[in-house]
Amino acid sequence: MNTALTAEEKCRLRKWIADGNDPADNPWLMSGVDGRPLDFITAWRDMLSLEAEHMVGL
């Protein structure tokens, strides 16, 4: 899936890179089914999705 970055995603990605991190990695140690680390944006979007699922019904 190749979608445009939101302003917030761009900001967070820039900070992640400015802090010396690789955009192909993520701080949550999330990986795909192949065992490779998810890139920062994919992991960020997954984290938001998981958070939304968790908040349902609270």
PDB file of N, CA and C in Angstrom:
ATOM      1  N   MET A   1       0.851  -1.174   0.000  1.00  0.00           N
ATOM      2  CA  MET A   1       0.000   0.000   0.000  1.00  0.00           C
ATOM      3  C   MET A   1       0.894   1.234   0.000  1.00  0.00           C
ATOM      4  N   ASN A   2       0.665   2.099  -0.937  1.00  0.00           N
ATOM      5  CA  ASN A   2       1.482   3.292  -1.066  1.00  0.00           C
ATOM      6  C   ASN A   2       0.564   4.507  -1.052  1.00  0.00           C
ATOM      7  N   THR A   3       0.339   5.072   0.129  1.00  0.00           N
ATOM      8  CA  THR A   3      -0.532   6.232   0.255  1.00  0.00           C
ATOM      9  C   THR A   3       0.280   7.441   0.686  1.00  0.00           C
ATOM     10  N   ALA A   4      -0.262   8.602   0.405  1.00  0.00           N
ATOM     11  CA  ALA A   4       0.420   9.846   0.762  1.00  0.00           C
ATOM     12  C   ALA A   4       0.519   9.981   2.281  1.00  0.00           C
ATOM     13  N   LEU A   5       1.592  10.608   2.716  1.00  0.00           N
ATOM     14  CA  LEU A   5       1.787  10.849   4.145  1.00  0.00           C
ATOM     15  C   LEU A   5       0.952  12.039   4.592  1.00  0.00           C
ATOM     16  N   THR A   6       0.409  11.936   5.787  1.00  0.00           N
ATOM     17  CA  THR A   6      -0.276  13.078   6.381  1.00  0.00           C
ATOM     18  C   THR A   6       0.780  14.037   6.923  1.00  0.00           C
ATOM     19  N   ALA A   7       0.363  15.229   7.277  1.00  0.00           N
ATOM     20  CA  ALA A   7       1.290  16.203   7.859  1.00  0.00           C
ATOM     21  C   ALA A   7       1.892  15.664   9.157  1.00  0.00           C
ATOM     22  N   GLU A   8       1.069  15.021   9.979  1.00  0.00           N
ATOM     23  CA  GLU A   8       1.577  14.457  11.239  1.00  0.00           C
ATOM     24  C   GLU A   8       2.591  13.350  10.976  1.00  0.00           C
ATOM     25  N   GLU A   9       2.310  12.486   9.997  1.00  0.00           N
ATOM     26  CA  GLU A   9       3.245  11.411   9.664  1.00  0.00           C
ATOM     27  C   GLU A   9       4.576  11.976   9.180  1.00  0.00           C
ATOM     28  N   LYS A  10       4.512  12.996   8.336  1.00  0.00           N
ATOM     29  CA  LYS A  10       5.747  13.626   7.852  1.00  0.00           C
ATOM     30  C   LYS A  10       6.561  14.184   9.009  1.00  0.00           C
ATOM     31  N   CYS A  11       5.891  14.859   9.920  1.00  0.00           N
ATOM     32  CA  CYS A  11       6.557  15.451  11.081  1.00  0.00           C
ATOM     33  C   CYS A  11       7.209  14.369  11.938  1.00  0.00           C
ATOM     34  N   ARG A  12       6.476  13.320  12.233  1.00  0.00           N
ATOM     35  CA  ARG A  12       7.010  12.236  13.073  1.00  0.00           C
ATOM     36  C   ARG A  12       8.150  11.503  12.379  1.00  0.00           C
ATOM     37  N   LEU A  13       8.017  11.285  11.072  1.00  0.00           N
ATOM     38  CA  LEU A  13       9.081  10.620  10.320  1.00  0.00           C
ATOM     39  C   LEU A  13      10.340  11.475  10.294  1.00  0.00           C
ATOM     40  N   ARG A  14      10.193  12.768  10.064  1.00  0.00           N
ATOM     41  CA  ARG A  14      11.357  13.666  10.065  1.00  0.00           C
ATOM     42  C   ARG A  14      12.062  13.649  11.415  1.00  0.00           C
ATOM     43  N   LYS A  15      11.297  13.674  12.505  1.00  0.00           N
ATOM     44  CA  LYS A  15      11.903  13.627  13.838  1.00  0.00           C
ATOM     45  C   LYS A  15      12.619  12.301  14.054  1.00  0.00           C
ATOM     46  N   TRP A  16      12.001  11.204  13.653  1.00  0.00           N
ATOM     47  CA  TRP A  16      12.595   9.874  13.774  1.00  0.00           C
ATOM     48  C   TRP A  16      13.957   9.842  13.066  1.00  0.00           C
ATOM     49  N   ILE A  17      14.007  10.385  11.855  1.00  0.00           N
ATOM     50  CA  ILE A  17      15.250  10.404  11.085  1.00  0.00           C
ATOM     51  C   ILE A  17      16.252  11.373  11.706  1.00  0.00           C
ATOM     52  N   ALA A  18      15.787  12.550  12.126  1.00  0.00           N
ATOM     53  CA  ALA A  18      16.676  13.549  12.741  1.00  0.00           C
ATOM     54  C   ALA A  18      17.327  13.011  14.012  1.00  0.00           C
ATOM     55  N   ASP A  19      16.649  12.114  14.694  1.00  0.00           N
ATOM     56  CA  ASP A  19      17.196  11.499  15.909  1.00  0.00           C
ATOM     57  C   ASP A  19      18.204  10.397  15.591  1.00  0.00           C
ATOM     58  N   GLY A  20      18.488  10.213  14.299  1.00  0.00           N
ATOM     59  CA  GLY A  20      19.504   9.249  13.889  1.00  0.00           C
ATOM     60  C   GLY A  20      18.987   7.862  13.562  1.00  0.00           C
ATOM     61  N   ASN A  21      17.684   7.748  13.380  1.00  0.00           N
ATOM     62  CA  ASN A  21      17.081   6.445  13.105  1.00  0.00           C
ATOM     63  C   ASN A  21      16.865   6.219  11.615  1.00  0.00           C
ATOM     64  N   ASP A  22      16.698   4.982  11.252  1.00  0.00           N
ATOM     65  CA  ASP A  22      16.474   4.563   9.873  1.00  0.00           C
ATOM     66  C   ASP A  22      14.971   4.533   9.597  1.00  0.00           C
ATOM     67  N   PRO A  23      14.509   5.169   8.510  1.00  0.00           N
ATOM     68  CA  PRO A  23      13.079   5.153   8.200  1.00  0.00           C
ATOM     69  C   PRO A  23      12.560   3.753   7.867  1.00  0.00           C
ATOM     70  N   ALA A  24      13.467   2.825   7.584  1.00  0.00           N
ATOM     71  CA  ALA A  24      13.065   1.451   7.290  1.00  0.00           C
ATOM     72  C   ALA A  24      12.894   0.621   8.558  1.00  0.00           C
ATOM     73  N   ASP A  25      13.021   1.254   9.730  1.00  0.00           N
ATOM     74  CA  ASP A  25      12.881   0.576  11.015  1.00  0.00           C
ATOM     75  C   ASP A  25      11.835   1.313  11.846  1.00  0.00           C
ATOM     76  N   ASN A  26      11.489   0.768  13.000  1.00  0.00           N
ATOM     77  CA  ASN A  26      10.483   1.402  13.844  1.00  0.00           C
ATOM     78  C   ASN A  26      10.822   1.193  15.315  1.00  0.00           C
ATOM     79  N   PRO A  27      10.362   2.097  16.188  1.00  0.00           N
ATOM     80  CA  PRO A  27      10.706   2.015  17.608  1.00  0.00           C
ATOM     81  C   PRO A  27       9.919   0.965  18.392  1.00  0.00           C
ATOM     82  N   TRP A  28       8.919   0.370  17.782  1.00  0.00           N
ATOM     83  CA  TRP A  28       8.074  -0.605  18.471  1.00  0.00           C
ATOM     84  C   TRP A  28       8.522  -2.040  18.209  1.00  0.00           C
ATOM     85  N   LEU A  29       9.594  -2.181  17.424  1.00  0.00           N
ATOM     86  CA  LEU A  29      10.128  -3.503  17.064  1.00  0.00           C
ATOM     87  C   LEU A  29       9.086  -4.369  16.370  1.00  0.00           C
ATOM     88  N   MET A  30       8.179  -3.726  15.630  1.00  0.00           N
ATOM     89  CA  MET A  30       7.145  -4.452  14.895  1.00  0.00           C
ATOM     90  C   MET A  30       7.747  -5.018  13.615  1.00  0.00           C
ATOM     91  N   SER A  31       7.335  -6.239  13.274  1.00  0.00           N
ATOM     92  CA  SER A  31       7.829  -6.859  12.052  1.00  0.00           C
ATOM     93  C   SER A  31       6.667  -7.432  11.261  1.00  0.00           C
ATOM     94  N   GLY A  32       6.927  -7.654   9.985  1.00  0.00           N
ATOM     95  CA  GLY A  32       5.919  -8.232   9.115  1.00  0.00           C
ATOM     96  C   GLY A  32       5.901  -9.745   9.239  1.00  0.00           C
ATOM     97  N   VAL A  33       5.053 -10.389   8.464  1.00  0.00           N
ATOM     98  CA  VAL A  33       4.947 -11.846   8.508  1.00  0.00           C
ATOM     99  C   VAL A  33       6.240 -12.520   8.065  1.00  0.00           C
ATOM    100  N   ASP A  34       7.069 -11.791   7.312  1.00  0.00           N
ATOM    101  CA  ASP A  34       8.345 -12.343   6.860  1.00  0.00           C
ATOM    102  C   ASP A  34       9.456 -12.173   7.900  1.00  0.00           C
ATOM    103  N   GLY A  35       9.125 -11.534   9.031  1.00  0.00           N
ATOM    104  CA  GLY A  35      10.109 -11.338  10.091  1.00  0.00           C
ATOM    105  C   GLY A  35      10.944 -10.082   9.962  1.00  0.00           C
ATOM    106  N   ARG A  36      10.791  -9.366   8.867  1.00  0.00           N
ATOM    107  CA  ARG A  36      11.548  -8.126   8.669  1.00  0.00           C
ATOM    108  C   ARG A  36      10.859  -6.980   9.398  1.00  0.00           C
ATOM    109  N   PRO A  37      11.647  -6.029   9.903  1.00  0.00           N
ATOM    110  CA  PRO A  37      11.039  -4.878  10.584  1.00  0.00           C
ATOM    111  C   PRO A  37      10.135  -4.092   9.636  1.00  0.00           C
ATOM    112  N   LEU A  38       9.016  -3.619  10.171  1.00  0.00           N
ATOM    113  CA  LEU A  38       8.154  -2.726   9.394  1.00  0.00           C
ATOM    114  C   LEU A  38       8.806  -1.357   9.337  1.00  0.00           C
ATOM    115  N   ASP A  39       8.619  -0.663   8.227  1.00  0.00           N
ATOM    116  CA  ASP A  39       9.127   0.704   8.151  1.00  0.00           C
ATOM    117  C   ASP A  39       8.352   1.584   9.130  1.00  0.00           C
ATOM    118  N   PHE A  40       8.910   2.742   9.429  1.00  0.00           N
ATOM    119  CA  PHE A  40       8.343   3.618  10.449  1.00  0.00           C
ATOM    120  C   PHE A  40       6.875   3.950  10.180  1.00  0.00           C
ATOM    121  N   ILE A  41       6.546   4.358   8.958  1.00  0.00           N
ATOM    122  CA  ILE A  41       5.174   4.790   8.654  1.00  0.00           C
ATOM    123  C   ILE A  41       4.190   3.627   8.744  1.00  0.00           C
ATOM    124  N   THR A  42       4.550   2.475   8.224  1.00  0.00           N
ATOM    125  CA  THR A  42       3.662   1.316   8.310  1.00  0.00           C
ATOM    126  C   THR A  42       3.417   0.943   9.766  1.00  0.00           C
ATOM    127  N   ALA A  43       4.480   0.931  10.565  1.00  0.00           N
ATOM    128  CA  ALA A  43       4.341   0.606  11.988  1.00  0.00           C
ATOM    129  C   ALA A  43       3.511   1.665  12.706  1.00  0.00           C
ATOM    130  N   TRP A  44       3.722   2.939  12.382  1.00  0.00           N
ATOM    131  CA  TRP A  44       2.954   4.028  12.995  1.00  0.00           C
ATOM    132  C   TRP A  44       1.464   3.839  12.709  1.00  0.00           C
ATOM    133  N   ARG A  45       1.146   3.553  11.457  1.00  0.00           N
ATOM    134  CA  ARG A  45      -0.258   3.356  11.085  1.00  0.00           C
ATOM    135  C   ARG A  45      -0.845   2.133  11.785  1.00  0.00           C
ATOM    136  N   ASP A  46      -0.061   1.083  11.897  1.00  0.00           N
ATOM    137  CA  ASP A  46      -0.528  -0.104  12.623  1.00  0.00           C
ATOM    138  C   ASP A  46      -0.772   0.217  14.093  1.00  0.00           C
ATOM    139  N   MET A  47       0.111   1.006  14.694  1.00  0.00           N
ATOM    140  CA  MET A  47      -0.060   1.385  16.101  1.00  0.00           C
ATOM    141  C   MET A  47      -1.345   2.187  16.293  1.00  0.00           C
ATOM    142  N   LEU A  48      -1.627   3.109  15.382  1.00  0.00           N
ATOM    143  CA  LEU A  48      -2.866   3.884  15.473  1.00  0.00           C
ATOM    144  C   LEU A  48      -4.090   2.984  15.338  1.00  0.00           C
ATOM    145  N   SER A  49      -4.008   2.018  14.447  1.00  0.00           N
ATOM    146  CA  SER A  49      -5.111   1.084  14.251  1.00  0.00           C
ATOM    147  C   SER A  49      -5.332   0.233  15.500  1.00  0.00           C
ATOM    148  N   LEU A  50      -4.246  -0.256  16.081  1.00  0.00           N
ATOM    149  CA  LEU A  50      -4.353  -1.048  17.311  1.00  0.00           C
ATOM    150  C   LEU A  50      -4.920  -0.217  18.453  1.00  0.00           C
ATOM    151  N   GLU A  51      -4.493   1.040  18.537  1.00  0.00           N
ATOM    152  CA  GLU A  51      -5.007   1.930  19.583  1.00  0.00           C
ATOM    153  C   GLU A  51      -6.510   2.136  19.416  1.00  0.00           C
ATOM    154  N   ALA A  52      -6.948   2.359  18.178  1.00  0.00           N
ATOM    155  CA  ALA A  52      -8.371   2.573  17.914  1.00  0.00           C
ATOM    156  C   ALA A  52      -9.184   1.331  18.279  1.00  0.00           C
ATOM    157  N   GLU A  53      -8.659   0.148  17.950  1.00  0.00           N
ATOM    158  CA  GLU A  53      -9.352  -1.092  18.300  1.00  0.00           C
ATOM    159  C   GLU A  53      -9.456  -1.245  19.813  1.00  0.00           C
ATOM    160  N   HIS A  54      -8.407  -0.879  20.507  1.00  0.00           N
ATOM    161  CA  HIS A  54      -8.376  -0.998  21.964  1.00  0.00           C
ATOM    162  C   HIS A  54      -9.375  -0.042  22.626  1.00  0.00           C
ATOM    163  N   MET A  55      -9.557   1.131  22.040  1.00  0.00           N
ATOM    164  CA  MET A  55     -10.410   2.154  22.639  1.00  0.00           C
ATOM    165  C   MET A  55     -11.894   1.899  22.407  1.00  0.00           C
ATOM    166  N   VAL A  56     -12.243   1.014  21.483  1.00  0.00           N
ATOM    167  CA  VAL A  56     -13.648   0.715  21.203  1.00  0.00           C
ATOM    168  C   VAL A  56     -14.287   0.113  22.451  1.00  0.00           C
ATOM    169  N   GLY A  57     -15.381   0.682  22.848  1.00  0.00           N
ATOM    170  CA  GLY A  57     -16.118   0.167  23.988  1.00  0.00           C
ATOM    171  C   GLY A  57     -15.662   0.673  25.342  1.00  0.00           C
ATOM    172  N   LEU A  58     -14.649   1.523  25.359  1.00  0.00           N
ATOM    173  CA  LEU A  58     -14.194   2.062  26.649  1.00  0.00           C
ATOM    174  C   LEU A  58     -14.948   3.313  27.004  1.00  0.00           C
TER     175      LEU A  58
END
